[in-house]
Amino acid sequence: MALIFVTQQVDPADPVLGATVAKLRALAAQVDELVVLSLDAVPGTLPSNCRVKTFGGGSKATRGLRFARALASELRGADAVLAHMCPIYAVLAAPLARPLRVPVLLWFAHWRASPLLRAATAASTNVLSVDRRSFPLETSKLVPLGHGIDFAGLDCAQHPGGDELRAIVLGRTSPAKGIETILRAVRAVPEARLDVYGTSGSDEERAHRAELERLIGELGLDARAAIHEPVPRDRIGDVHANADVLVNNMRAGAPDKAVYEACGSCLPVLASNPSFDDLFAGIEPQLRFERESPDDLAARLRELAALTAEERAKIGRTLRERAIARHSVDSWAAGVLGVVGR
């Protein structure tokens, strides 16, 4: 089988897009040839049965033309084209691929709908996502596959324990992450501290980062909360190991991969997104909180703080078992190829 995969970046060190590399490697292990079309790529990142073509640089029109030429040259003999998280690539690929009866697949897991996403959905043969709640449009083309997390570098760690409850947040400093609510909850729990590790790639994210830093001072949390630079992918497990809980307050929609990665390290998680209800089912104390309620989150933090280290470790082990069973990168790759082979 030969597959064409279109993505923005092939760079294992990228704090946002680095997770894509594990998906590419998992697909490469299950196909004869994987052709990767990307704006840019770090040489030597992928296995020997992968060929990488880059089309970045210049204006949008120039990049679009380079992409079309690169894709057209690879379509003969391809079994499918998979556009990863960028609907525009599915829109551009469809007129070239579908007349040749090459299926166009779109992987998309985000809460935000757009006219472009609607066009990409119409143009695609199938749409792939984590589950039905992680894709913002209603469509019969949707196939749920799980998140596709690389658990290989994540192991059950011995978490700190002690009198202090060390909470972490991993992800962009976006208003959609609900970090202000988390800070207000931490203020109400004297035994808790919070460390936020995140990228600030857009003007909105940079502005919100400054707002959060001001809020830390206004809430009197300078000694108990801090915002740090993003964590390289190969250090995520170390950050998990030095924490007692990951808190995730991403707005409802696509389930944040940071939650599943924390589960891979047997780190307990508190999250507001109802998408995690199956992951959290039957676990006590309750792990989900109301998204805009600092009081509700503070109550969850107090309940975790009252547990022994072994009780928290038991929760972490349960979460790891469930996450690996439903969201591993190998099962994700097998699911993609199952759709291609229909």
C-alpha atoms as a PDB file:
ATOM      1  CA  MET A   1       0.000   0.000   0.000  1.00  0.00           C
ATOM      2  CA  ALA A   2       1.176   3.536  -0.801  1.00  0.00           C
ATOM      3  CA  LEU A   3      -0.126   6.560   1.094  1.00  0.00           C
ATOM      4  CA  ILE A   4       0.353  10.312   0.607  1.00  0.00           C
ATOM      5  CA  PHE A   5       0.300  12.287   3.862  1.00  0.00           C
ATOM      6  CA  VAL A   6       0.058  16.095   3.845  1.00  0.00           C
ATOM      7  CA  THR A   7       1.056  18.079   6.927  1.00  0.00           C
ATOM      8  CA  GLN A   8       2.511  21.418   7.970  1.00  0.00           C
ATOM      9  CA  GLN A   9       5.760  20.344   9.581  1.00  0.00           C
ATOM     10  CA  VAL A  10       7.899  17.254  10.124  1.00  0.00           C
ATOM     11  CA  ASP A  11       9.910  18.098  13.221  1.00  0.00           C
ATOM     12  CA  PRO A  12       9.937  15.864  16.319  1.00  0.00           C
ATOM     13  CA  ALA A  13      11.099  18.787  18.477  1.00  0.00           C
ATOM     14  CA  ASP A  14       8.201  21.065  17.572  1.00  0.00           C
ATOM     15  CA  PRO A  15       6.109  21.532  20.763  1.00  0.00           C
ATOM     16  CA  VAL A  16       2.847  21.681  18.797  1.00  0.00           C
ATOM     17  CA  LEU A  17       3.357  19.627  15.625  1.00  0.00           C
ATOM     18  CA  GLY A  18       6.007  17.198  16.884  1.00  0.00           C
ATOM     19  CA  ALA A  19       3.345  14.604  17.740  1.00  0.00           C
ATOM     20  CA  THR A  20       2.653  14.206  14.020  1.00  0.00           C
ATOM     21  CA  VAL A  21       5.997  12.451  13.579  1.00  0.00           C
ATOM     22  CA  ALA A  22       4.845   9.485  15.676  1.00  0.00           C
ATOM     23  CA  LYS A  23       1.778   9.143  13.461  1.00  0.00           C
ATOM     24  CA  LEU A  24       3.969   9.177  10.355  1.00  0.00           C
ATOM     25  CA  ARG A  25       6.269   6.517  11.760  1.00  0.00           C
ATOM     26  CA  ALA A  26       3.323   4.327  12.752  1.00  0.00           C
ATOM     27  CA  LEU A  27       1.839   4.597   9.267  1.00  0.00           C
ATOM     28  CA  ALA A  28       5.226   3.882   7.670  1.00  0.00           C
ATOM     29  CA  ALA A  29       5.446   0.653   9.676  1.00  0.00           C
ATOM     30  CA  GLN A  30       2.205  -0.562   8.098  1.00  0.00           C
ATOM     31  CA  VAL A  31       2.557   0.542   4.438  1.00  0.00           C
ATOM     32  CA  ASP A  32       4.979  -0.170   1.618  1.00  0.00           C
ATOM     33  CA  GLU A  33       5.596   3.500   0.877  1.00  0.00           C
ATOM     34  CA  LEU A  34       4.685   6.760   2.590  1.00  0.00           C
ATOM     35  CA  VAL A  35       5.048  10.018   0.685  1.00  0.00           C
ATOM     36  CA  VAL A  36       4.993  13.068   2.952  1.00  0.00           C
ATOM     37  CA  LEU A  37       4.206  16.511   1.553  1.00  0.00           C
ATOM     38  CA  SER A  38       5.079  19.220   4.053  1.00  0.00           C
ATOM     39  CA  LEU A  39       5.860  22.902   4.247  1.00  0.00           C
ATOM     40  CA  ASP A  40       9.161  21.989   5.907  1.00  0.00           C
ATOM     41  CA  ALA A  41      10.868  18.920   7.340  1.00  0.00           C
ATOM     42  CA  VAL A  42      13.880  17.978   9.443  1.00  0.00           C
ATOM     43  CA  PRO A  43      16.040  15.579   7.387  1.00  0.00           C
ATOM     44  CA  GLY A  44      16.463  12.020   8.618  1.00  0.00           C
ATOM     45  CA  THR A  45      13.360  12.075  10.807  1.00  0.00           C
ATOM     46  CA  LEU A  46      11.361   9.327   9.097  1.00  0.00           C
ATOM     47  CA  PRO A  47      11.984   5.653   8.173  1.00  0.00           C
ATOM     48  CA  SER A  48      13.571   4.586   4.901  1.00  0.00           C
ATOM     49  CA  ASN A  49      10.260   3.811   3.172  1.00  0.00           C
ATOM     50  CA  CYS A  50       9.235   7.470   3.476  1.00  0.00           C
ATOM     51  CA  ARG A  51       9.890  10.119   0.859  1.00  0.00           C
ATOM     52  CA  VAL A  52       9.496  13.748   1.896  1.00  0.00           C
ATOM     53  CA  LYS A  53       8.743  16.614  -0.457  1.00  0.00           C
ATOM     54  CA  THR A  54       8.570  20.164   0.873  1.00  0.00           C
ATOM     55  CA  PHE A  55       6.575  22.998  -0.672  1.00  0.00           C
ATOM     56  CA  GLY A  56       7.028  25.837   1.846  1.00  0.00           C
ATOM     57  CA  GLY A  57       8.269  29.367   1.211  1.00  0.00           C
ATOM     58  CA  GLY A  58       6.905  32.258  -0.803  1.00  0.00           C
ATOM     59  CA  SER A  59       3.320  33.469  -0.978  1.00  0.00           C
ATOM     60  CA  LYS A  60       0.192  31.397  -0.341  1.00  0.00           C
ATOM     61  CA  ALA A  61      -0.369  31.153  -4.072  1.00  0.00           C
ATOM     62  CA  THR A  62       3.186  29.927  -4.635  1.00  0.00           C
ATOM     63  CA  ARG A  63       2.867  27.331  -1.869  1.00  0.00           C
ATOM     64  CA  GLY A  64      -0.461  26.180  -3.298  1.00  0.00           C
ATOM     65  CA  LEU A  65       1.041  25.743  -6.758  1.00  0.00           C
ATOM     66  CA  ARG A  66       4.044  23.849  -5.391  1.00  0.00           C
ATOM     67  CA  PHE A  67       1.732  21.608  -3.388  1.00  0.00           C
ATOM     68  CA  ALA A  68      -0.436  20.836  -6.422  1.00  0.00           C
ATOM     69  CA  ARG A  69       2.608  19.966  -8.537  1.00  0.00           C
ATOM     70  CA  ALA A  70       4.112  17.757  -5.834  1.00  0.00           C
ATOM     71  CA  LEU A  71       0.819  15.962  -5.274  1.00  0.00           C
ATOM     72  CA  ALA A  72       0.092  15.451  -8.972  1.00  0.00           C
ATOM     73  CA  SER A  73       3.482  13.821  -9.480  1.00  0.00           C
ATOM     74  CA  GLU A  74       2.756  11.223  -6.745  1.00  0.00           C
ATOM     75  CA  LEU A  75      -0.874  10.288  -7.370  1.00  0.00           C
ATOM     76  CA  ARG A  76      -0.268   7.465  -9.848  1.00  0.00           C
ATOM     77  CA  GLY A  77      -0.107   4.330  -7.732  1.00  0.00           C
ATOM     78  CA  ALA A  78      -1.225   6.020  -4.525  1.00  0.00           C
ATOM     79  CA  ASP A  79      -3.984   4.350  -2.503  1.00  0.00           C
ATOM     80  CA  ALA A  80      -5.091   7.494  -0.669  1.00  0.00           C
ATOM     81  CA  VAL A  81      -4.241  11.082   0.256  1.00  0.00           C
ATOM     82  CA  LEU A  82      -4.503  12.033   3.939  1.00  0.00           C
ATOM     83  CA  ALA A  83      -4.636  15.750   4.832  1.00  0.00           C
ATOM     84  CA  HIS A  84      -3.634  16.277   8.463  1.00  0.00           C
ATOM     85  CA  MET A  85      -5.372  19.094  10.395  1.00  0.00           C
ATOM     86  CA  CYS A  86      -5.357  21.486   7.413  1.00  0.00           C
ATOM     87  CA  PRO A  87      -8.655  21.480   5.504  1.00  0.00           C
ATOM     88  CA  ILE A  88      -7.155  23.549   2.692  1.00  0.00           C
ATOM     89  CA  TYR A  89      -5.018  20.588   1.613  1.00  0.00           C
ATOM     90  CA  ALA A  90      -8.090  18.379   1.248  1.00  0.00           C
ATOM     91  CA  VAL A  91      -9.804  21.087  -0.820  1.00  0.00           C
ATOM     92  CA  LEU A  92      -6.760  21.442  -3.098  1.00  0.00           C
ATOM     93  CA  ALA A  93      -6.153  17.690  -3.340  1.00  0.00           C
ATOM     94  CA  ALA A  94      -9.671  16.604  -4.270  1.00  0.00           C
ATOM     95  CA  PRO A  95      -9.779  17.930  -7.879  1.00  0.00           C
ATOM     96  CA  LEU A  96      -6.507  16.145  -8.609  1.00  0.00           C
ATOM     97  CA  ALA A  97      -7.035  12.919  -6.682  1.00  0.00           C
ATOM     98  CA  ARG A  98     -10.680  12.002  -6.945  1.00  0.00           C
ATOM     99  CA  PRO A  99     -10.872  11.891 -10.772  1.00  0.00           C
ATOM    100  CA  LEU A 100      -8.153   9.235 -10.500  1.00  0.00           C
ATOM    101  CA  ARG A 101     -10.279   7.413  -7.896  1.00  0.00           C
ATOM    102  CA  VAL A 102      -7.718   8.112  -5.180  1.00  0.00           C
ATOM    103  CA  PRO A 103      -9.620   8.683  -1.916  1.00  0.00           C
ATOM    104  CA  VAL A 104      -9.024  11.948  -0.040  1.00  0.00           C
ATOM    105  CA  LEU A 105      -9.103  11.647   3.759  1.00  0.00           C
ATOM    106  CA  LEU A 106      -9.150  14.555   6.186  1.00  0.00           C
ATOM    107  CA  TRP A 107      -7.921  14.138   9.774  1.00  0.00           C
ATOM    108  CA  PHE A 108      -9.355  16.928  11.902  1.00  0.00           C
ATOM    109  CA  ALA A 109      -9.875  17.201  15.667  1.00  0.00           C
ATOM    110  CA  HIS A 110     -10.758  20.716  16.806  1.00  0.00           C
ATOM    111  CA  TRP A 111     -13.794  22.561  18.108  1.00  0.00           C
ATOM    112  CA  ARG A 112     -13.754  25.337  15.505  1.00  0.00           C
ATOM    113  CA  ALA A 113     -15.921  25.008  12.403  1.00  0.00           C
ATOM    114  CA  SER A 114     -15.344  27.233   9.369  1.00  0.00           C
ATOM    115  CA  PRO A 115     -16.512  27.592   5.765  1.00  0.00           C
ATOM    116  CA  LEU A 116     -13.195  26.067   4.699  1.00  0.00           C
ATOM    117  CA  LEU A 117     -13.800  23.022   6.892  1.00  0.00           C
ATOM    118  CA  ARG A 118     -17.262  22.618   5.361  1.00  0.00           C
ATOM    119  CA  ALA A 119     -15.716  22.723   1.892  1.00  0.00           C
ATOM    120  CA  ALA A 120     -13.050  20.199   2.895  1.00  0.00           C
ATOM    121  CA  THR A 121     -15.683  17.870   4.333  1.00  0.00           C
ATOM    122  CA  ALA A 122     -17.635  18.018   1.086  1.00  0.00           C
ATOM    123  CA  ALA A 123     -14.471  17.402  -0.951  1.00  0.00           C
ATOM    124  CA  SER A 124     -13.199  14.474   1.153  1.00  0.00           C
ATOM    125  CA  THR A 125     -14.069  10.825   0.777  1.00  0.00           C
ATOM    126  CA  ASN A 126     -13.958  10.341   4.551  1.00  0.00           C
ATOM    127  CA  VAL A 127     -13.286  12.519   7.583  1.00  0.00           C
ATOM    128  CA  LEU A 128     -11.256  11.022  10.438  1.00  0.00           C
ATOM    129  CA  SER A 129     -11.322  12.290  14.007  1.00  0.00           C
ATOM    130  CA  VAL A 130     -10.876  11.199  17.613  1.00  0.00           C
ATOM    131  CA  ASP A 131     -14.605  10.584  18.100  1.00  0.00           C
ATOM    132  CA  ARG A 132     -17.891  12.074  16.971  1.00  0.00           C
ATOM    133  CA  ARG A 133     -17.689  14.929  19.473  1.00  0.00           C
ATOM    134  CA  SER A 134     -14.215  16.010  18.314  1.00  0.00           C
ATOM    135  CA  PHE A 135     -15.394  17.060  14.844  1.00  0.00           C
ATOM    136  CA  PRO A 136     -17.540  20.214  14.806  1.00  0.00           C
ATOM    137  CA  LEU A 137     -19.773  19.309  11.841  1.00  0.00           C
ATOM    138  CA  GLU A 138     -22.451  16.685  11.357  1.00  0.00           C
ATOM    139  CA  THR A 139     -21.447  14.328   8.537  1.00  0.00           C
ATOM    140  CA  SER A 140     -21.996  10.702   7.599  1.00  0.00           C
ATOM    141  CA  LYS A 141     -18.384  10.646   6.349  1.00  0.00           C
ATOM    142  CA  LEU A 142     -16.942  10.740   9.878  1.00  0.00           C
ATOM    143  CA  VAL A 143     -14.902   7.773  11.131  1.00  0.00           C
ATOM    144  CA  PRO A 144     -13.732   7.884  14.796  1.00  0.00           C
ATOM    145  CA  LEU A 145     -10.215   6.492  15.305  1.00  0.00           C
ATOM    146  CA  GLY A 146      -9.007   7.589  18.737  1.00  0.00           C
ATOM    147  CA  HIS A 147      -6.314  10.224  19.263  1.00  0.00           C
ATOM    148  CA  GLY A 148      -3.205   8.364  18.092  1.00  0.00           C
ATOM    149  CA  ILE A 149      -0.865   9.051  21.027  1.00  0.00           C
ATOM    150  CA  ASP A 150       2.731   7.839  21.109  1.00  0.00           C
ATOM    151  CA  PHE A 151       2.963   6.212  24.527  1.00  0.00           C
ATOM    152  CA  ALA A 152       6.396   4.690  23.877  1.00  0.00           C
ATOM    153  CA  GLY A 153       8.313   7.412  25.748  1.00  0.00           C
ATOM    154  CA  LEU A 154       5.797   7.687  28.584  1.00  0.00           C
ATOM    155  CA  ASP A 155       6.059   5.407  31.597  1.00  0.00           C
ATOM    156  CA  CYS A 156       4.411   5.209  34.986  1.00  0.00           C
ATOM    157  CA  ALA A 157       6.450   7.560  37.135  1.00  0.00           C
ATOM    158  CA  GLN A 158       6.756   7.981  40.873  1.00  0.00           C
ATOM    159  CA  HIS A 159       5.018  11.297  41.422  1.00  0.00           C
ATOM    160  CA  PRO A 160       6.154  13.682  44.170  1.00  0.00           C
ATOM    161  CA  GLY A 161       3.424  13.339  46.806  1.00  0.00           C
ATOM    162  CA  GLY A 162       4.000  15.245  50.049  1.00  0.00           C
ATOM    163  CA  ASP A 163       2.053  18.157  51.490  1.00  0.00           C
ATOM    164  CA  GLU A 164       2.068  20.230  48.288  1.00  0.00           C
ATOM    165  CA  LEU A 165      -0.210  19.348  45.357  1.00  0.00           C
ATOM    166  CA  ARG A 166       1.739  20.164  42.213  1.00  0.00           C
ATOM    167  CA  ALA A 167      -0.581  20.861  39.274  1.00  0.00           C
ATOM    168  CA  ILE A 168       0.511  21.455  35.694  1.00  0.00           C
ATOM    169  CA  VAL A 169      -1.056  22.767  32.492  1.00  0.00           C
ATOM    170  CA  LEU A 170       0.436  21.874  29.103  1.00  0.00           C
ATOM    171  CA  GLY A 171      -0.575  23.640  25.905  1.00  0.00           C
ATOM    172  CA  ARG A 172      -0.950  26.958  24.151  1.00  0.00           C
ATOM    173  CA  THR A 173      -1.643  30.100  26.183  1.00  0.00           C
ATOM    174  CA  SER A 174      -4.957  30.492  24.395  1.00  0.00           C
ATOM    175  CA  PRO A 175      -8.164  31.848  25.955  1.00  0.00           C
ATOM    176  CA  ALA A 176      -9.761  28.581  24.817  1.00  0.00           C
ATOM    177  CA  LYS A 177      -7.615  26.742  27.391  1.00  0.00           C
ATOM    178  CA  GLY A 178      -9.432  28.311  30.356  1.00  0.00           C
ATOM    179  CA  ILE A 179      -6.254  28.906  32.371  1.00  0.00           C
ATOM    180  CA  GLU A 180      -7.708  31.919  34.197  1.00  0.00           C
ATOM    181  CA  THR A 181     -10.261  29.637  35.879  1.00  0.00           C
ATOM    182  CA  ILE A 182      -7.483  27.262  36.906  1.00  0.00           C
ATOM    183  CA  LEU A 183      -5.478  30.084  38.496  1.00  0.00           C
ATOM    184  CA  ARG A 184      -8.497  31.265  40.463  1.00  0.00           C
ATOM    185  CA  ALA A 185      -9.092  27.708  41.695  1.00  0.00           C
ATOM    186  CA  VAL A 186      -5.464  27.346  42.793  1.00  0.00           C
ATOM    187  CA  ARG A 187      -5.749  30.563  44.812  1.00  0.00           C
ATOM    188  CA  ALA A 188      -8.513  28.909  46.856  1.00  0.00           C
ATOM    189  CA  VAL A 189      -6.389  25.807  47.634  1.00  0.00           C
ATOM    190  CA  PRO A 190      -3.342  26.874  49.701  1.00  0.00           C
ATOM    191  CA  GLU A 191      -1.634  23.490  49.338  1.00  0.00           C
ATOM    192  CA  ALA A 192      -1.696  23.672  45.525  1.00  0.00           C
ATOM    193  CA  ARG A 193       0.794  25.228  43.109  1.00  0.00           C
ATOM    194  CA  LEU A 194       0.470  25.561  39.348  1.00  0.00           C
ATOM    195  CA  ASP A 195       3.051  25.481  36.561  1.00  0.00           C
ATOM    196  CA  VAL A 196       1.887  26.320  33.043  1.00  0.00           C
ATOM    197  CA  TYR A 197       4.054  25.201  30.111  1.00  0.00           C
ATOM    198  CA  GLY A 198       2.926  26.526  26.766  1.00  0.00           C
ATOM    199  CA  THR A 199       3.596  28.055  23.402  1.00  0.00           C
ATOM    200  CA  SER A 200       2.411  31.562  22.521  1.00  0.00           C
ATOM    201  CA  GLY A 201       2.581  31.511  18.742  1.00  0.00           C
ATOM    202  CA  SER A 202      -0.134  33.998  17.775  1.00  0.00           C
ATOM    203  CA  ASP A 203      -0.811  37.595  18.733  1.00  0.00           C
ATOM    204  CA  GLU A 204      -3.851  36.424  20.687  1.00  0.00           C
ATOM    205  CA  GLU A 205      -1.815  33.839  22.601  1.00  0.00           C
ATOM    206  CA  ARG A 206       0.951  36.314  23.386  1.00  0.00           C
ATOM    207  CA  ALA A 207      -1.565  38.857  24.639  1.00  0.00           C
ATOM    208  CA  HIS A 208      -3.306  36.249  26.775  1.00  0.00           C
ATOM    209  CA  ARG A 209       0.013  35.094  28.215  1.00  0.00           C
ATOM    210  CA  ALA A 210       0.643  38.655  29.402  1.00  0.00           C
ATOM    211  CA  GLU A 211      -2.876  38.771  30.870  1.00  0.00           C
ATOM    212  CA  LEU A 212      -2.259  35.533  32.757  1.00  0.00           C
ATOM    213  CA  GLU A 213       1.056  36.795  34.124  1.00  0.00           C
ATOM    214  CA  ARG A 214      -0.695  39.928  35.383  1.00  0.00           C
ATOM    215  CA  LEU A 215      -3.441  37.812  36.929  1.00  0.00           C
ATOM    216  CA  ILE A 216      -0.889  35.740  38.844  1.00  0.00           C
ATOM    217  CA  GLY A 217       0.299  38.955  40.504  1.00  0.00           C
ATOM    218  CA  GLU A 218      -3.222  40.254  41.132  1.00  0.00           C
ATOM    219  CA  LEU A 219      -4.227  36.981  42.809  1.00  0.00           C
ATOM    220  CA  GLY A 220      -1.115  36.966  45.002  1.00  0.00           C
ATOM    221  CA  LEU A 221       0.122  33.723  43.453  1.00  0.00           C
ATOM    222  CA  ASP A 222       3.709  34.746  42.627  1.00  0.00           C
ATOM    223  CA  ALA A 223       5.073  32.068  44.980  1.00  0.00           C
ATOM    224  CA  ARG A 224       2.630  29.358  43.845  1.00  0.00           C
ATOM    225  CA  ALA A 225       2.125  29.808  40.094  1.00  0.00           C
ATOM    226  CA  ALA A 226       4.306  30.441  37.060  1.00  0.00           C
ATOM    227  CA  ILE A 227       4.171  30.367  33.264  1.00  0.00           C
ATOM    228  CA  HIS A 228       7.092  28.670  31.532  1.00  0.00           C
ATOM    229  CA  GLU A 229       8.342  28.110  28.016  1.00  0.00           C
ATOM    230  CA  PRO A 230       6.946  25.080  26.145  1.00  0.00           C
ATOM    231  CA  VAL A 231       8.322  21.648  26.908  1.00  0.00           C
ATOM    232  CA  PRO A 232      10.234  19.773  24.171  1.00  0.00           C
ATOM    233  CA  ARG A 233       8.472  16.524  23.341  1.00  0.00           C
ATOM    234  CA  ASP A 234      11.297  14.403  24.704  1.00  0.00           C
ATOM    235  CA  ARG A 235      10.921  16.089  28.121  1.00  0.00           C
ATOM    236  CA  ILE A 236       7.157  15.783  28.584  1.00  0.00           C
ATOM    237  CA  GLY A 237       7.568  12.615  30.646  1.00  0.00           C
ATOM    238  CA  ASP A 238       9.962  14.437  33.003  1.00  0.00           C
ATOM    239  CA  VAL A 239       7.440  17.223  33.550  1.00  0.00           C
ATOM    240  CA  HIS A 240       4.728  14.637  34.258  1.00  0.00           C
ATOM    241  CA  ALA A 241       6.990  12.887  36.774  1.00  0.00           C
ATOM    242  CA  ASN A 242       7.416  16.088  38.796  1.00  0.00           C
ATOM    243  CA  ALA A 243       3.669  16.724  39.052  1.00  0.00           C
ATOM    244  CA  ASP A 244       0.741  15.316  41.008  1.00  0.00           C
ATOM    245  CA  VAL A 245      -2.027  16.242  38.563  1.00  0.00           C
ATOM    246  CA  LEU A 246      -2.548  17.711  35.095  1.00  0.00           C
ATOM    247  CA  VAL A 247      -5.429  20.170  34.838  1.00  0.00           C
ATOM    248  CA  ASN A 248      -7.099  20.664  31.460  1.00  0.00           C
ATOM    249  CA  ASN A 249      -9.798  23.272  30.921  1.00  0.00           C
ATOM    250  CA  MET A 250      -9.933  23.285  27.124  1.00  0.00           C
ATOM    251  CA  ARG A 251     -13.319  24.302  25.794  1.00  0.00           C
ATOM    252  CA  ALA A 252     -15.635  21.452  24.813  1.00  0.00           C
ATOM    253  CA  GLY A 253     -14.975  19.829  21.454  1.00  0.00           C
ATOM    254  CA  ALA A 254     -11.856  17.925  20.490  1.00  0.00           C
ATOM    255  CA  PRO A 255     -10.280  16.133  23.468  1.00  0.00           C
ATOM    256  CA  ASP A 256      -6.840  17.578  24.170  1.00  0.00           C
ATOM    257  CA  LYS A 257      -3.976  15.137  23.541  1.00  0.00           C
ATOM    258  CA  ALA A 258      -2.196  16.539  26.623  1.00  0.00           C
ATOM    259  CA  VAL A 259      -4.728  14.631  28.728  1.00  0.00           C
ATOM    260  CA  TYR A 260      -3.949  11.277  27.113  1.00  0.00           C
ATOM    261  CA  GLU A 261      -0.200  11.921  27.294  1.00  0.00           C
ATOM    262  CA  ALA A 262      -0.519  12.595  31.031  1.00  0.00           C
ATOM    263  CA  CYS A 263      -2.449   9.345  31.388  1.00  0.00           C
ATOM    264  CA  GLY A 264       0.459   7.602  29.668  1.00  0.00           C
ATOM    265  CA  SER A 265       2.655   8.698  32.581  1.00  0.00           C
ATOM    266  CA  CYS A 266       0.066   7.493  35.129  1.00  0.00           C
ATOM    267  CA  LEU A 267      -0.522  11.110  36.109  1.00  0.00           C
ATOM    268  CA  PRO A 268      -4.028  11.843  37.452  1.00  0.00           C
ATOM    269  CA  VAL A 269      -5.989  14.336  35.367  1.00  0.00           C
ATOM    270  CA  LEU A 270      -8.727  16.856  36.095  1.00  0.00           C
ATOM    271  CA  ALA A 271     -10.593  18.043  32.998  1.00  0.00           C
ATOM    272  CA  SER A 272     -13.756  19.963  32.152  1.00  0.00           C
ATOM    273  CA  ASN A 273     -14.413  18.563  28.667  1.00  0.00           C
ATOM    274  CA  PRO A 274     -17.329  16.045  28.598  1.00  0.00           C
ATOM    275  CA  SER A 275     -15.392  14.169  25.883  1.00  0.00           C
ATOM    276  CA  PHE A 276     -13.391  12.570  28.704  1.00  0.00           C
ATOM    277  CA  ASP A 277     -16.426  11.113  30.497  1.00  0.00           C
ATOM    278  CA  ASP A 278     -15.683   7.591  29.222  1.00  0.00           C
ATOM    279  CA  LEU A 279     -12.044   7.901  30.281  1.00  0.00           C
ATOM    280  CA  PHE A 280     -13.071   9.031  33.772  1.00  0.00           C
ATOM    281  CA  ALA A 281     -16.080   6.717  34.237  1.00  0.00           C
ATOM    282  CA  GLY A 282     -16.316   5.070  37.652  1.00  0.00           C
ATOM    283  CA  ILE A 283     -13.236   6.769  39.114  1.00  0.00           C
ATOM    284  CA  GLU A 284     -13.551   8.383  42.543  1.00  0.00           C
ATOM    285  CA  PRO A 285     -13.065  11.135  43.454  1.00  0.00           C
ATOM    286  CA  GLN A 286     -14.679  12.727  40.412  1.00  0.00           C
ATOM    287  CA  LEU A 287     -12.159  13.964  37.835  1.00  0.00           C
ATOM    288  CA  ARG A 288     -14.367  16.265  35.766  1.00  0.00           C
ATOM    289  CA  PHE A 289     -15.200  19.828  36.815  1.00  0.00           C
ATOM    290  CA  GLU A 290     -17.424  22.597  35.490  1.00  0.00           C
ATOM    291  CA  ARG A 291     -15.433  24.619  32.977  1.00  0.00           C
ATOM    292  CA  GLU A 292     -16.120  28.141  34.247  1.00  0.00           C
ATOM    293  CA  SER A 293     -16.302  27.319  37.956  1.00  0.00           C
ATOM    294  CA  PRO A 294     -13.140  27.939  40.002  1.00  0.00           C
ATOM    295  CA  ASP A 295     -15.033  26.680  43.054  1.00  0.00           C
ATOM    296  CA  ASP A 296     -15.811  23.335  41.431  1.00  0.00           C
ATOM    297  CA  LEU A 297     -12.215  22.871  40.317  1.00  0.00           C
ATOM    298  CA  ALA A 298     -10.962  23.890  43.769  1.00  0.00           C
ATOM    299  CA  ALA A 299     -13.140  21.157  45.272  1.00  0.00           C
ATOM    300  CA  ARG A 300     -11.619  18.573  42.897  1.00  0.00           C
ATOM    301  CA  LEU A 301      -8.097  19.761  43.797  1.00  0.00           C
ATOM    302  CA  ARG A 302      -8.840  19.446  47.533  1.00  0.00           C
ATOM    303  CA  GLU A 303     -10.176  15.928  47.031  1.00  0.00           C
ATOM    304  CA  LEU A 304      -7.014  14.882  45.194  1.00  0.00           C
ATOM    305  CA  ALA A 305      -4.798  16.548  47.785  1.00  0.00           C
ATOM    306  CA  ALA A 306      -6.543  14.523  50.522  1.00  0.00           C
ATOM    307  CA  LEU A 307      -5.642  11.207  48.859  1.00  0.00           C
ATOM    308  CA  THR A 308      -2.543   9.230  49.701  1.00  0.00           C
ATOM    309  CA  ALA A 309       0.207   8.926  47.112  1.00  0.00           C
ATOM    310  CA  GLU A 310      -0.821   5.299  46.469  1.00  0.00           C
ATOM    311  CA  GLU A 311      -4.467   6.269  45.942  1.00  0.00           C
ATOM    312  CA  ARG A 312      -3.436   8.855  43.370  1.00  0.00           C
ATOM    313  CA  ALA A 313      -1.097   6.320  41.747  1.00  0.00           C
ATOM    314  CA  LYS A 314      -3.994   3.844  41.424  1.00  0.00           C
ATOM    315  CA  ILE A 315      -6.041   6.482  39.574  1.00  0.00           C
ATOM    316  CA  GLY A 316      -3.071   7.136  37.289  1.00  0.00           C
ATOM    317  CA  ARG A 317      -2.643   3.446  36.474  1.00  0.00           C
ATOM    318  CA  THR A 318      -6.333   3.121  35.582  1.00  0.00           C
ATOM    319  CA  LEU A 319      -6.146   6.139  33.296  1.00  0.00           C
ATOM    320  CA  ARG A 320      -3.031   4.793  31.561  1.00  0.00           C
ATOM    321  CA  GLU A 321      -4.664   1.412  30.912  1.00  0.00           C
ATOM    322  CA  ARG A 322      -7.746   3.038  29.380  1.00  0.00           C
ATOM    323  CA  ALA A 323      -5.827   5.583  27.312  1.00  0.00           C
ATOM    324  CA  ILE A 324      -3.490   3.012  25.771  1.00  0.00           C
ATOM    325  CA  ALA A 325      -6.383   0.675  24.938  1.00  0.00           C
ATOM    326  CA  ARG A 326      -8.299   3.354  23.043  1.00  0.00           C
ATOM    327  CA  HIS A 327      -5.832   5.958  21.802  1.00  0.00           C
ATOM    328  CA  SER A 328      -2.458   4.465  20.843  1.00  0.00           C
ATOM    329  CA  VAL A 329      -0.707   5.627  17.694  1.00  0.00           C
ATOM    330  CA  ASP A 330      -0.475   2.055  16.351  1.00  0.00           C
ATOM    331  CA  SER A 331      -4.226   1.473  16.620  1.00  0.00           C
ATOM    332  CA  TRP A 332      -4.758   4.893  15.012  1.00  0.00           C
ATOM    333  CA  ALA A 333      -2.566   3.954  12.031  1.00  0.00           C
ATOM    334  CA  ALA A 334      -4.354   0.620  11.656  1.00  0.00           C
ATOM    335  CA  GLY A 335      -7.655   2.500  11.682  1.00  0.00           C
ATOM    336  CA  VAL A 336      -6.504   4.863   8.924  1.00  0.00           C
ATOM    337  CA  LEU A 337      -5.479   1.958   6.721  1.00  0.00           C
ATOM    338  CA  GLY A 338      -8.736   0.192   7.471  1.00  0.00           C
ATOM    339  CA  VAL A 339     -10.588   3.189   6.032  1.00  0.00           C
ATOM    340  CA  VAL A 340      -8.308   3.242   2.985  1.00  0.00           C
ATOM    341  CA  GLY A 341      -8.936  -0.446   2.370  1.00  0.00           C
ATOM    342  CA  ARG A 342     -12.717  -0.200   2.346  1.00  0.00           C
END
